[in-house]
């Protein structure tokens, strides 16, 4: 979640118009340990609840690799 002070993993609790985001201290998957910091849901932006497991490079974006394969370089990165 994005909040005025940065990014955090949160648990959303409450009902109706009283929803709040409670900050989770550590890894978000498992039993949450809350920090005590909370924000009204209207004051934050929810993001995808994932941790990226890896970074993927596309070979066609690398000139030498594209040349090896006989491919033209793309006009824009893929």
N, C-alpha and C. Protein backbone atom coordinates (compact mmCIF):
# COMPACT_ATOMS: atom_id res chain seq x y z
N UNK A 1 0.84 -1.15 0.00
CA UNK A 1 0.00 0.00 0.00
C UNK A 1 0.89 1.22 0.00
N UNK A 2 0.47 2.25 -0.71
CA UNK A 2 1.18 3.52 -0.70
C UNK A 2 0.47 4.46 0.27
N UNK A 3 1.23 5.06 1.17
CA UNK A 3 0.67 6.01 2.14
C UNK A 3 1.55 7.26 2.14
N UNK A 4 1.17 8.30 2.84
CA UNK A 4 1.93 9.55 2.79
C UNK A 4 3.40 9.42 3.17
N UNK A 5 3.78 8.39 3.91
CA UNK A 5 5.17 8.24 4.36
C UNK A 5 5.96 7.19 3.57
N UNK A 6 5.33 6.54 2.58
CA UNK A 6 6.05 5.54 1.80
C UNK A 6 5.18 4.35 1.44
N UNK A 7 5.79 3.15 1.45
CA UNK A 7 5.09 1.91 1.11
C UNK A 7 5.08 0.96 2.30
N UNK A 8 4.00 0.21 2.46
CA UNK A 8 3.88 -0.76 3.55
C UNK A 8 2.97 -1.90 3.12
N UNK A 9 3.16 -3.06 3.75
CA UNK A 9 2.17 -4.12 3.66
C UNK A 9 1.17 -3.85 4.77
N UNK A 10 -0.12 -4.07 4.48
CA UNK A 10 -1.16 -3.76 5.46
C UNK A 10 -2.22 -4.85 5.50
N UNK A 11 -3.00 -4.79 6.54
CA UNK A 11 -4.22 -5.58 6.68
C UNK A 11 -5.37 -4.57 6.72
N UNK A 12 -6.38 -4.77 5.88
CA UNK A 12 -7.52 -3.84 5.86
C UNK A 12 -8.59 -4.40 6.79
N UNK A 13 -9.02 -3.57 7.74
CA UNK A 13 -10.02 -3.99 8.73
C UNK A 13 -11.11 -2.93 8.84
N UNK A 14 -12.23 -3.32 9.41
CA UNK A 14 -13.34 -2.40 9.61
C UNK A 14 -14.52 -2.78 8.73
N UNK A 15 -15.52 -1.92 8.73
CA UNK A 15 -16.72 -2.16 7.94
C UNK A 15 -17.20 -0.86 7.32
N UNK A 16 -17.84 -0.97 6.16
CA UNK A 16 -18.45 0.18 5.52
C UNK A 16 -17.47 1.32 5.29
N UNK A 17 -17.85 2.49 5.77
CA UNK A 17 -17.01 3.68 5.61
C UNK A 17 -15.90 3.77 6.65
N UNK A 18 -15.83 2.82 7.56
CA UNK A 18 -14.83 2.84 8.64
C UNK A 18 -13.65 1.91 8.38
N UNK A 19 -13.31 1.66 7.10
CA UNK A 19 -12.18 0.79 6.78
C UNK A 19 -10.87 1.51 7.05
N UNK A 20 -9.93 0.80 7.66
CA UNK A 20 -8.59 1.34 7.89
C UNK A 20 -7.56 0.32 7.45
N UNK A 21 -6.38 0.81 7.11
CA UNK A 21 -5.25 -0.04 6.75
C UNK A 21 -4.30 -0.07 7.94
N UNK A 22 -4.04 -1.27 8.47
CA UNK A 22 -3.13 -1.44 9.61
C UNK A 22 -1.81 -1.99 9.08
N UNK A 23 -0.71 -1.32 9.40
CA UNK A 23 0.60 -1.71 8.88
C UNK A 23 1.07 -3.03 9.47
N UNK A 24 1.60 -3.91 8.59
CA UNK A 24 2.19 -5.18 9.00
C UNK A 24 3.70 -4.99 9.11
N UNK A 25 4.29 -5.47 10.19
CA UNK A 25 5.71 -5.22 10.47
C UNK A 25 6.65 -5.94 9.51
N UNK A 26 6.32 -7.14 9.09
CA UNK A 26 7.27 -7.93 8.31
C UNK A 26 6.62 -8.49 7.05
N UNK A 27 7.05 -9.67 6.66
CA UNK A 27 6.54 -10.35 5.48
C UNK A 27 5.02 -10.47 5.57
N UNK A 28 4.30 -10.16 4.49
CA UNK A 28 2.84 -10.12 4.56
C UNK A 28 2.14 -11.47 4.52
N UNK A 29 2.87 -12.56 4.22
CA UNK A 29 2.22 -13.85 4.08
C UNK A 29 2.52 -14.70 5.30
N UNK A 30 1.54 -14.88 6.13
CA UNK A 30 1.70 -15.58 7.39
C UNK A 30 0.94 -14.81 8.45
N UNK A 31 1.18 -15.11 9.71
CA UNK A 31 0.50 -14.40 10.79
C UNK A 31 1.07 -12.98 10.88
N UNK A 32 0.21 -11.97 10.72
CA UNK A 32 0.72 -10.60 10.72
C UNK A 32 1.09 -10.09 12.12
N UNK A 33 2.21 -9.40 12.19
CA UNK A 33 2.60 -8.64 13.39
C UNK A 33 2.38 -7.18 13.05
N UNK A 34 1.44 -6.55 13.71
CA UNK A 34 1.08 -5.17 13.39
C UNK A 34 2.00 -4.19 14.10
N UNK A 35 2.28 -3.06 13.45
CA UNK A 35 3.16 -2.03 14.03
C UNK A 35 2.41 -1.04 14.89
N UNK A 36 1.09 -0.96 14.73
CA UNK A 36 0.30 0.04 15.45
C UNK A 36 -0.01 1.26 14.59
N UNK A 37 0.65 1.37 13.44
CA UNK A 37 0.35 2.50 12.53
C UNK A 37 -0.86 2.14 11.70
N UNK A 38 -1.79 3.12 11.55
CA UNK A 38 -3.04 2.90 10.81
C UNK A 38 -3.35 4.14 9.98
N UNK A 39 -4.02 3.92 8.86
CA UNK A 39 -4.46 5.01 8.01
C UNK A 39 -5.88 4.73 7.54
N UNK A 40 -6.73 5.77 7.47
CA UNK A 40 -8.04 5.57 6.85
C UNK A 40 -7.83 5.12 5.41
N UNK A 41 -8.64 4.20 4.93
CA UNK A 41 -8.47 3.66 3.59
C UNK A 41 -8.56 4.76 2.53
N UNK A 42 -9.32 5.81 2.80
CA UNK A 42 -9.45 6.92 1.85
C UNK A 42 -8.14 7.69 1.67
N UNK A 43 -7.19 7.56 2.60
CA UNK A 43 -5.94 8.31 2.55
C UNK A 43 -4.78 7.52 1.95
N UNK A 44 -5.03 6.31 1.48
CA UNK A 44 -3.96 5.46 0.96
C UNK A 44 -4.34 4.93 -0.42
N UNK A 45 -3.36 4.33 -1.10
CA UNK A 45 -3.60 3.69 -2.39
C UNK A 45 -3.16 2.24 -2.27
N UNK A 46 -4.10 1.31 -2.47
CA UNK A 46 -3.78 -0.10 -2.38
C UNK A 46 -3.03 -0.55 -3.63
N UNK A 47 -1.99 -1.35 -3.45
CA UNK A 47 -1.17 -1.88 -4.53
C UNK A 47 -1.29 -3.40 -4.55
N UNK A 48 -0.75 -4.04 -5.58
CA UNK A 48 -0.77 -5.50 -5.66
C UNK A 48 0.00 -6.10 -4.48
N UNK A 49 -0.58 -7.08 -3.78
CA UNK A 49 0.08 -7.65 -2.60
C UNK A 49 1.07 -8.76 -2.96
N UNK A 50 2.11 -8.40 -3.71
CA UNK A 50 3.07 -9.42 -4.13
C UNK A 50 4.50 -8.96 -3.86
N UNK A 51 5.37 -9.93 -3.70
CA UNK A 51 6.80 -9.68 -3.64
C UNK A 51 7.38 -10.24 -4.93
N UNK A 52 8.07 -9.43 -5.73
CA UNK A 52 8.59 -9.95 -6.99
C UNK A 52 9.65 -11.02 -6.75
N UNK A 53 9.44 -12.26 -7.27
CA UNK A 53 10.38 -13.34 -7.04
C UNK A 53 11.63 -13.26 -7.91
N UNK A 54 11.53 -12.53 -9.03
CA UNK A 54 12.67 -12.44 -9.92
C UNK A 54 12.48 -11.27 -10.88
N UNK A 55 13.55 -10.90 -11.54
CA UNK A 55 13.52 -9.87 -12.57
C UNK A 55 13.79 -10.58 -13.89
N UNK A 56 12.99 -10.29 -14.89
CA UNK A 56 13.13 -10.96 -16.18
C UNK A 56 13.64 -9.96 -17.21
N UNK A 57 14.73 -10.31 -17.88
CA UNK A 57 15.27 -9.49 -18.96
C UNK A 57 14.82 -10.06 -20.30
N UNK A 58 14.48 -9.21 -21.23
CA UNK A 58 14.06 -9.64 -22.56
C UNK A 58 15.26 -9.50 -23.49
N UNK A 59 15.71 -10.64 -24.04
CA UNK A 59 16.92 -10.67 -24.86
C UNK A 59 16.90 -9.73 -26.05
N UNK A 60 15.74 -9.49 -26.62
CA UNK A 60 15.68 -8.62 -27.80
C UNK A 60 16.01 -7.18 -27.45
N UNK A 61 16.05 -6.82 -26.20
CA UNK A 61 16.44 -5.47 -25.80
C UNK A 61 17.95 -5.30 -25.77
N UNK A 62 18.70 -6.38 -25.92
CA UNK A 62 20.16 -6.33 -25.87
C UNK A 62 20.69 -6.45 -27.29
N UNK A 63 21.44 -5.44 -27.74
CA UNK A 63 21.89 -5.38 -29.14
C UNK A 63 22.66 -6.63 -29.55
N UNK A 64 23.60 -7.08 -28.73
CA UNK A 64 24.41 -8.25 -29.10
C UNK A 64 23.55 -9.50 -29.22
N UNK A 65 22.59 -9.68 -28.34
CA UNK A 65 21.74 -10.87 -28.39
C UNK A 65 20.83 -10.82 -29.61
N UNK A 66 20.26 -9.66 -29.90
CA UNK A 66 19.41 -9.52 -31.08
C UNK A 66 20.21 -9.81 -32.34
N UNK A 67 21.45 -9.34 -32.38
CA UNK A 67 22.32 -9.58 -33.54
C UNK A 67 22.61 -11.08 -33.69
N UNK A 68 22.89 -11.77 -32.57
CA UNK A 68 23.14 -13.22 -32.61
C UNK A 68 21.98 -13.98 -33.26
N UNK A 69 20.76 -13.53 -32.95
CA UNK A 69 19.57 -14.21 -33.46
C UNK A 69 19.13 -13.70 -34.82
N UNK A 70 19.81 -12.67 -35.32
CA UNK A 70 19.43 -12.09 -36.61
C UNK A 70 18.18 -11.24 -36.52
N UNK A 71 17.86 -10.75 -35.34
CA UNK A 71 16.68 -9.90 -35.14
C UNK A 71 17.07 -8.43 -35.18
N UNK A 72 16.16 -7.63 -35.66
CA UNK A 72 16.35 -6.18 -35.60
C UNK A 72 16.06 -5.72 -34.18
N UNK A 73 16.73 -4.64 -33.76
CA UNK A 73 16.42 -4.07 -32.45
C UNK A 73 15.04 -3.42 -32.50
N UNK A 74 14.25 -3.56 -31.45
CA UNK A 74 12.94 -2.91 -31.45
C UNK A 74 13.10 -1.39 -31.35
N UNK A 75 12.15 -0.66 -31.94
CA UNK A 75 12.17 0.80 -31.84
C UNK A 75 11.98 1.26 -30.40
N UNK A 76 11.18 0.50 -29.65
CA UNK A 76 10.93 0.79 -28.24
C UNK A 76 11.22 -0.47 -27.43
N UNK A 77 11.71 -0.33 -26.20
CA UNK A 77 11.97 -1.52 -25.37
C UNK A 77 10.71 -2.37 -25.24
N UNK A 78 10.91 -3.68 -25.19
CA UNK A 78 9.77 -4.60 -25.02
C UNK A 78 9.40 -4.70 -23.56
